[in-house]
PDB file of N, CA and C in Angstrom:
ATOM      1  N   UNK A   1      -0.544 -70.111  38.821  1.00  0.00           N
ATOM      2  CA  UNK A   1       0.307 -71.062  38.132  1.00  0.00           C
ATOM      3  C   UNK A   1      -0.542 -71.832  37.133  1.00  0.00           C
ATOM      4  N   UNK A   2       0.104 -72.444  36.171  1.00  0.00           N
ATOM      5  CA  UNK A   2      -0.605 -73.187  35.132  1.00  0.00           C
ATOM      6  C   UNK A   2      -0.359 -74.680  35.268  1.00  0.00           C
ATOM      7  N   UNK A   3      -1.445 -75.443  35.124  1.00  0.00           N
ATOM      8  CA  UNK A   3      -1.370 -76.895  35.101  1.00  0.00           C
ATOM      9  C   UNK A   3      -2.161 -77.364  33.880  1.00  0.00           C
ATOM     10  N   UNK A   4      -2.036 -78.626  33.547  1.00  0.00           N
ATOM     11  CA  UNK A   4      -2.795 -79.184  32.434  1.00  0.00           C
ATOM     12  C   UNK A   4      -3.742 -80.240  32.988  1.00  0.00           C
ATOM     13  N   UNK A   5      -5.023 -80.111  32.656  1.00  0.00           N
ATOM     14  CA  UNK A   5      -6.034 -81.075  33.081  1.00  0.00           C
ATOM     15  C   UNK A   5      -6.661 -81.671  31.833  1.00  0.00           C
ATOM     16  N   UNK A   6      -6.502 -82.970  31.674  1.00  0.00           N
ATOM     17  CA  UNK A   6      -7.057 -83.680  30.518  1.00  0.00           C
ATOM     18  C   UNK A   6      -6.708 -82.984  29.204  1.00  0.00           C
ATOM     19  N   UNK A   7      -5.459 -82.529  29.108  1.00  0.00           N
ATOM     20  CA  UNK A   7      -4.962 -81.936  27.874  1.00  0.00           C
ATOM     21  C   UNK A   7      -5.215 -80.452  27.707  1.00  0.00           C
ATOM     22  N   UNK A   8      -5.903 -79.819  28.648  1.00  0.00           N
ATOM     23  CA  UNK A   8      -6.200 -78.395  28.554  1.00  0.00           C
ATOM     24  C   UNK A   8      -5.502 -77.628  29.671  1.00  0.00           C
ATOM     25  N   UNK A   9      -4.871 -76.514  29.320  1.00  0.00           N
ATOM     26  CA  UNK A   9      -4.182 -75.691  30.299  1.00  0.00           C
ATOM     27  C   UNK A   9      -5.201 -74.938  31.149  1.00  0.00           C
ATOM     28  N   UNK A  10      -4.928 -74.909  32.463  1.00  0.00           N
ATOM     29  CA  UNK A  10      -5.824 -74.214  33.397  1.00  0.00           C
ATOM     30  C   UNK A  10      -4.962 -73.439  34.389  1.00  0.00           C
ATOM     31  N   UNK A  11      -5.328 -72.196  34.638  1.00  0.00           N
ATOM     32  CA  UNK A  11      -4.654 -71.388  35.646  1.00  0.00           C
ATOM     33  C   UNK A  11      -5.311 -71.650  36.995  1.00  0.00           C
ATOM     34  N   UNK A  12      -4.497 -71.936  38.005  1.00  0.00           N
ATOM     35  CA  UNK A  12      -4.998 -72.167  39.358  1.00  0.00           C
ATOM     36  C   UNK A  12      -4.150 -71.366  40.335  1.00  0.00           C
ATOM     37  N   UNK A  13      -4.656 -71.208  41.547  1.00  0.00           N
ATOM     38  CA  UNK A  13      -3.894 -70.496  42.563  1.00  0.00           C
ATOM     39  C   UNK A  13      -2.715 -71.348  43.027  1.00  0.00           C
ATOM     40  N   UNK A  14      -1.686 -70.692  43.465  1.00  0.00           N
ATOM     41  CA  UNK A  14      -0.527 -71.408  43.996  1.00  0.00           C
ATOM     42  C   UNK A  14      -0.917 -72.108  45.287  1.00  0.00           C
ATOM     43  N   UNK A  15      -0.200 -73.154  45.627  1.00  0.00           N
ATOM     44  CA  UNK A  15      -0.423 -73.925  46.862  1.00  0.00           C
ATOM     45  C   UNK A  15      -1.811 -74.559  46.908  1.00  0.00           C
ATOM     46  N   UNK A  16      -2.262 -75.086  45.798  1.00  0.00           N
ATOM     47  CA  UNK A  16      -3.556 -75.756  45.755  1.00  0.00           C
ATOM     48  C   UNK A  16      -3.329 -77.264  45.848  1.00  0.00           C
ATOM     49  N   UNK A  17      -4.159 -77.915  46.640  1.00  0.00           N
ATOM     50  CA  UNK A  17      -4.069 -79.371  46.768  1.00  0.00           C
ATOM     51  C   UNK A  17      -5.035 -80.019  45.787  1.00  0.00           C
ATOM     52  N   UNK A  18      -4.893 -81.319  45.609  1.00  0.00           N
ATOM     53  CA  UNK A  18      -5.840 -82.024  44.755  1.00  0.00           C
ATOM     54  C   UNK A  18      -7.258 -81.912  45.305  1.00  0.00           C
ATOM     55  N   UNK A  19      -7.416 -81.968  46.621  1.00  0.00           N
ATOM     56  CA  UNK A  19      -8.742 -81.818  47.228  1.00  0.00           C
ATOM     57  C   UNK A  19      -9.351 -80.466  46.866  1.00  0.00           C
ATOM     58  N   UNK A  20      -8.552 -79.404  46.947  1.00  0.00           N
ATOM     59  CA  UNK A  20      -9.029 -78.064  46.589  1.00  0.00           C
ATOM     60  C   UNK A  20      -9.401 -77.997  45.109  1.00  0.00           C
ATOM     61  N   UNK A  21      -8.580 -78.620  44.265  1.00  0.00           N
ATOM     62  CA  UNK A  21      -8.862 -78.620  42.833  1.00  0.00           C
ATOM     63  C   UNK A  21     -10.158 -79.350  42.542  1.00  0.00           C
ATOM     64  N   UNK A  22     -10.350 -80.499  43.157  1.00  0.00           N
ATOM     65  CA  UNK A  22     -11.585 -81.275  42.968  1.00  0.00           C
ATOM     66  C   UNK A  22     -12.794 -80.428  43.349  1.00  0.00           C
ATOM     67  N   UNK A  23     -12.693 -79.702  44.450  1.00  0.00           N
ATOM     68  CA  UNK A  23     -13.796 -78.829  44.877  1.00  0.00           C
ATOM     69  C   UNK A  23     -14.034 -77.714  43.862  1.00  0.00           C
ATOM     70  N   UNK A  24     -12.962 -77.125  43.340  1.00  0.00           N
ATOM     71  CA  UNK A  24     -13.120 -76.027  42.385  1.00  0.00           C
ATOM     72  C   UNK A  24     -13.724 -76.493  41.065  1.00  0.00           C
ATOM     73  N   UNK A  25     -13.591 -77.780  40.769  1.00  0.00           N
ATOM     74  CA  UNK A  25     -14.159 -78.349  39.546  1.00  0.00           C
ATOM     75  C   UNK A  25     -15.556 -78.937  39.780  1.00  0.00           C
ATOM     76  N   UNK A  26     -16.108 -78.718  40.973  1.00  0.00           N
ATOM     77  CA  UNK A  26     -17.429 -79.246  41.360  1.00  0.00           C
ATOM     78  C   UNK A  26     -17.507 -80.764  41.246  1.00  0.00           C
ATOM     79  N   UNK A  27     -16.430 -81.444  41.657  1.00  0.00           N
ATOM     80  CA  UNK A  27     -16.382 -82.905  41.603  1.00  0.00           C
ATOM     81  C   UNK A  27     -16.315 -83.536  42.991  1.00  0.00           C
ATOM     82  N   UNK A  28     -16.594 -82.760  44.029  1.00  0.00           N
ATOM     83  CA  UNK A  28     -16.457 -83.235  45.399  1.00  0.00           C
ATOM     84  C   UNK A  28     -17.283 -84.491  45.678  1.00  0.00           C
ATOM     85  N   UNK A  29     -18.477 -84.565  45.189  1.00  0.00           N
ATOM     86  CA  UNK A  29     -19.345 -85.706  45.483  1.00  0.00           C
ATOM     87  C   UNK A  29     -19.310 -86.781  44.410  1.00  0.00           C
ATOM     88  N   UNK A  30     -18.268 -86.768  43.588  1.00  0.00           N
ATOM     89  CA  UNK A  30     -18.110 -87.756  42.533  1.00  0.00           C
ATOM     90  C   UNK A  30     -16.929 -88.674  42.840  1.00  0.00           C
ATOM     91  N   UNK A  31     -16.987 -89.869  42.294  1.00  0.00           N
ATOM     92  CA  UNK A  31     -15.853 -90.780  42.405  1.00  0.00           C
ATOM     93  C   UNK A  31     -14.897 -90.453  41.267  1.00  0.00           C
ATOM     94  N   UNK A  32     -13.693 -90.025  41.610  1.00  0.00           N
ATOM     95  CA  UNK A  32     -12.718 -89.633  40.598  1.00  0.00           C
ATOM     96  C   UNK A  32     -11.422 -90.413  40.776  1.00  0.00           C
ATOM     97  N   UNK A  33     -10.743 -90.609  39.672  1.00  0.00           N
ATOM     98  CA  UNK A  33      -9.392 -91.153  39.678  1.00  0.00           C
ATOM     99  C   UNK A  33      -8.506 -90.073  39.076  1.00  0.00           C
ATOM    100  N   UNK A  34      -7.361 -89.832  39.714  1.00  0.00           N
ATOM    101  CA  UNK A  34      -6.475 -88.774  39.248  1.00  0.00           C
ATOM    102  C   UNK A  34      -5.076 -89.319  39.028  1.00  0.00           C
ATOM    103  N   UNK A  35      -4.553 -89.009  37.853  1.00  0.00           N
ATOM    104  CA  UNK A  35      -3.174 -89.328  37.516  1.00  0.00           C
ATOM    105  C   UNK A  35      -2.420 -88.005  37.453  1.00  0.00           C
ATOM    106  N   UNK A  36      -1.309 -87.927  38.174  1.00  0.00           N
ATOM    107  CA  UNK A  36      -0.493 -86.709  38.185  1.00  0.00           C
ATOM    108  C   UNK A  36       0.876 -87.044  37.622  1.00  0.00           C
ATOM    109  N   UNK A  37       1.215 -86.429  36.528  1.00  0.00           N
ATOM    110  CA  UNK A  37       2.515 -86.643  35.884  1.00  0.00           C
ATOM    111  C   UNK A  37       2.807 -88.119  35.677  1.00  0.00           C
ATOM    112  N   UNK A  38       1.787 -88.871  35.268  1.00  0.00           N
ATOM    113  CA  UNK A  38       1.956 -90.273  34.929  1.00  0.00           C
ATOM    114  C   UNK A  38       1.793 -91.263  36.061  1.00  0.00           C
ATOM    115  N   UNK A  39       1.511 -90.785  37.268  1.00  0.00           N
ATOM    116  CA  UNK A  39       1.350 -91.680  38.421  1.00  0.00           C
ATOM    117  C   UNK A  39      -0.019 -91.461  39.064  1.00  0.00           C
ATOM    118  N   UNK A  40      -0.698 -92.565  39.370  1.00  0.00           N
ATOM    119  CA  UNK A  40      -1.994 -92.481  40.041  1.00  0.00           C
ATOM    120  C   UNK A  40      -1.788 -91.958  41.459  1.00  0.00           C
ATOM    121  N   UNK A  41      -2.641 -91.017  41.860  1.00  0.00           N
ATOM    122  CA  UNK A  41      -2.597 -90.490  43.231  1.00  0.00           C
ATOM    123  C   UNK A  41      -3.760 -91.124  43.997  1.00  0.00           C
ATOM    124  N   UNK A  42      -3.462 -91.936  45.024  1.00  0.00           N
ATOM    125  CA  UNK A  42      -4.546 -92.548  45.804  1.00  0.00           C
ATOM    126  C   UNK A  42      -5.424 -91.482  46.454  1.00  0.00           C
ATOM    127  N   UNK A  43      -6.700 -91.771  46.575  1.00  0.00           N
ATOM    128  CA  UNK A  43      -7.637 -90.820  47.183  1.00  0.00           C
ATOM    129  C   UNK A  43      -7.159 -90.392  48.576  1.00  0.00           C
ATOM    130  N   UNK A  44      -6.557 -91.301  49.310  1.00  0.00           N
ATOM    131  CA  UNK A  44      -6.075 -90.980  50.655  1.00  0.00           C
ATOM    132  C   UNK A  44      -4.970 -89.921  50.647  1.00  0.00           C
ATOM    133  N   UNK A  45      -4.379 -89.658  49.483  1.00  0.00           N
ATOM    134  CA  UNK A  45      -3.303 -88.674  49.373  1.00  0.00           C
ATOM    135  C   UNK A  45      -3.738 -87.349  48.728  1.00  0.00           C
ATOM    136  N   UNK A  46      -4.995 -87.234  48.351  1.00  0.00           N
ATOM    137  CA  UNK A  46      -5.455 -86.022  47.664  1.00  0.00           C
ATOM    138  C   UNK A  46      -5.234 -84.764  48.492  1.00  0.00           C
ATOM    139  N   UNK A  47      -5.539 -84.800  49.768  1.00  0.00           N
ATOM    140  CA  UNK A  47      -5.414 -83.598  50.611  1.00  0.00           C
ATOM    141  C   UNK A  47      -3.949 -83.194  50.807  1.00  0.00           C
ATOM    142  N   UNK A  48      -3.041 -84.151  50.821  1.00  0.00           N
ATOM    143  CA  UNK A  48      -1.624 -83.869  51.054  1.00  0.00           C
ATOM    144  C   UNK A  48      -0.862 -83.558  49.770  1.00  0.00           C
ATOM    145  N   UNK A  49      -1.461 -83.812  48.623  1.00  0.00           N
ATOM    146  CA  UNK A  49      -0.767 -83.622  47.352  1.00  0.00           C
ATOM    147  C   UNK A  49      -0.948 -82.192  46.858  1.00  0.00           C
ATOM    148  N   UNK A  50       0.135 -81.425  46.928  1.00  0.00           N
ATOM    149  CA  UNK A  50       0.130 -80.045  46.456  1.00  0.00           C
ATOM    150  C   UNK A  50       0.544 -80.021  44.995  1.00  0.00           C
ATOM    151  N   UNK A  51      -0.177 -79.251  44.203  1.00  0.00           N
ATOM    152  CA  UNK A  51       0.140 -79.152  42.788  1.00  0.00           C
ATOM    153  C   UNK A  51       1.268 -78.161  42.568  1.00  0.00           C
ATOM    154  N   UNK A  52       2.013 -78.380  41.486  1.00  0.00           N
ATOM    155  CA  UNK A  52       3.139 -77.523  41.137  1.00  0.00           C
ATOM    156  C   UNK A  52       2.972 -77.015  39.715  1.00  0.00           C
ATOM    157  N   UNK A  53       3.627 -75.910  39.416  1.00  0.00           N
ATOM    158  CA  UNK A  53       3.626 -75.343  38.071  1.00  0.00           C
ATOM    159  C   UNK A  53       3.967 -76.425  37.053  1.00  0.00           C
ATOM    160  N   UNK A  54       3.137 -76.525  36.015  1.00  0.00           N
ATOM    161  CA  UNK A  54       3.406 -77.456  34.932  1.00  0.00           C
ATOM    162  C   UNK A  54       2.924 -78.875  35.143  1.00  0.00           C
ATOM    163  N   UNK A  55       2.307 -79.175  36.287  1.00  0.00           N
ATOM    164  CA  UNK A  55       1.793 -80.530  36.504  1.00  0.00           C
ATOM    165  C   UNK A  55       0.790 -80.888  35.412  1.00  0.00           C
ATOM    166  N   UNK A  56       0.817 -82.160  35.003  1.00  0.00           N
ATOM    167  CA  UNK A  56      -0.138 -82.673  34.023  1.00  0.00           C
ATOM    168  C   UNK A  56      -1.037 -83.678  34.726  1.00  0.00           C
ATOM    169  N   UNK A  57      -2.335 -83.399  34.733  1.00  0.00           N
ATOM    170  CA  UNK A  57      -3.310 -84.258  35.400  1.00  0.00           C
ATOM    171  C   UNK A  57      -4.256 -84.876  34.388  1.00  0.00           C
ATOM    172  N   UNK A  58      -4.617 -86.100  34.654  1.00  0.00           N
ATOM    173  CA  UNK A  58      -5.713 -86.749  33.938  1.00  0.00           C
ATOM    174  C   UNK A  58      -6.742 -87.086  35.011  1.00  0.00           C
ATOM    175  N   UNK A  59      -7.953 -86.592  34.849  1.00  0.00           N
ATOM    176  CA  UNK A  59      -9.016 -86.817  35.827  1.00  0.00           C
ATOM    177  C   UNK A  59     -10.130 -87.602  35.144  1.00  0.00           C
ATOM    178  N   UNK A  60     -10.488 -88.724  35.734  1.00  0.00           N
ATOM    179  CA  UNK A  60     -11.558 -89.562  35.215  1.00  0.00           C
ATOM    180  C   UNK A  60     -12.643 -89.639  36.270  1.00  0.00           C
ATOM    181  N   UNK A  61     -13.877 -89.391  35.851  1.00  0.00           N
ATOM    182  CA  UNK A  61     -15.026 -89.452  36.759  1.00  0.00           C
ATOM    183  C   UNK A  61     -15.780 -90.743  36.489  1.00  0.00           C
ATOM    184  N   UNK A  62     -15.990 -91.526  37.543  1.00  0.00           N
ATOM    185  CA  UNK A  62     -16.739 -92.777  37.408  1.00  0.00           C
ATOM    186  C   UNK A  62     -18.217 -92.451  37.217  1.00  0.00           C
ATOM    187  N   UNK A  63     -18.827 -93.125  36.256  1.00  0.00           N
ATOM    188  CA  UNK A  63     -20.245 -92.919  35.955  1.00  0.00           C
ATOM    189  C   UNK A  63     -20.960 -94.248  36.140  1.00  0.00           C
ATOM    190  N   UNK A  64     -21.985 -94.232  36.980  1.00  0.00           N
ATOM    191  CA  UNK A  64     -22.765 -95.450  37.206  1.00  0.00           C
ATOM    192  C   UNK A  64     -23.925 -95.527  36.228  1.00  0.00           C
ATOM    193  N   UNK A  65     -24.447 -96.676  36.099  1.00  0.00           N
ATOM    194  CA  UNK A  65     -25.583 -96.831  35.194  1.00  0.00           C
ATOM    195  C   UNK A  65     -25.993 -98.289  35.115  1.00  0.00           C
ATOM    196  N   UNK A  66     -26.995 -98.543  34.372  1.00  0.00           N
ATOM    197  CA  UNK A  66     -27.468 -99.902  34.324  1.00  0.00           C
ATOM    198  C   UNK A  66     -27.860-100.365  32.999  1.00  0.00           C
TER     199      UNK A  66
END
């Protein structure tokens, strides 16, 4: 199925959760904020949130520094 991540179309397997997507993008050990179809998805809901055809995601990775 196809989803959009930060404005770019990406093909992913069906029945993928946000947790699975984060792992496939090598972002597991990063602090990320995810918006799905205009709504923020709390981190506590990432594992339960299944993606659907046509979902639009915005993923922001927190970067520390000094």
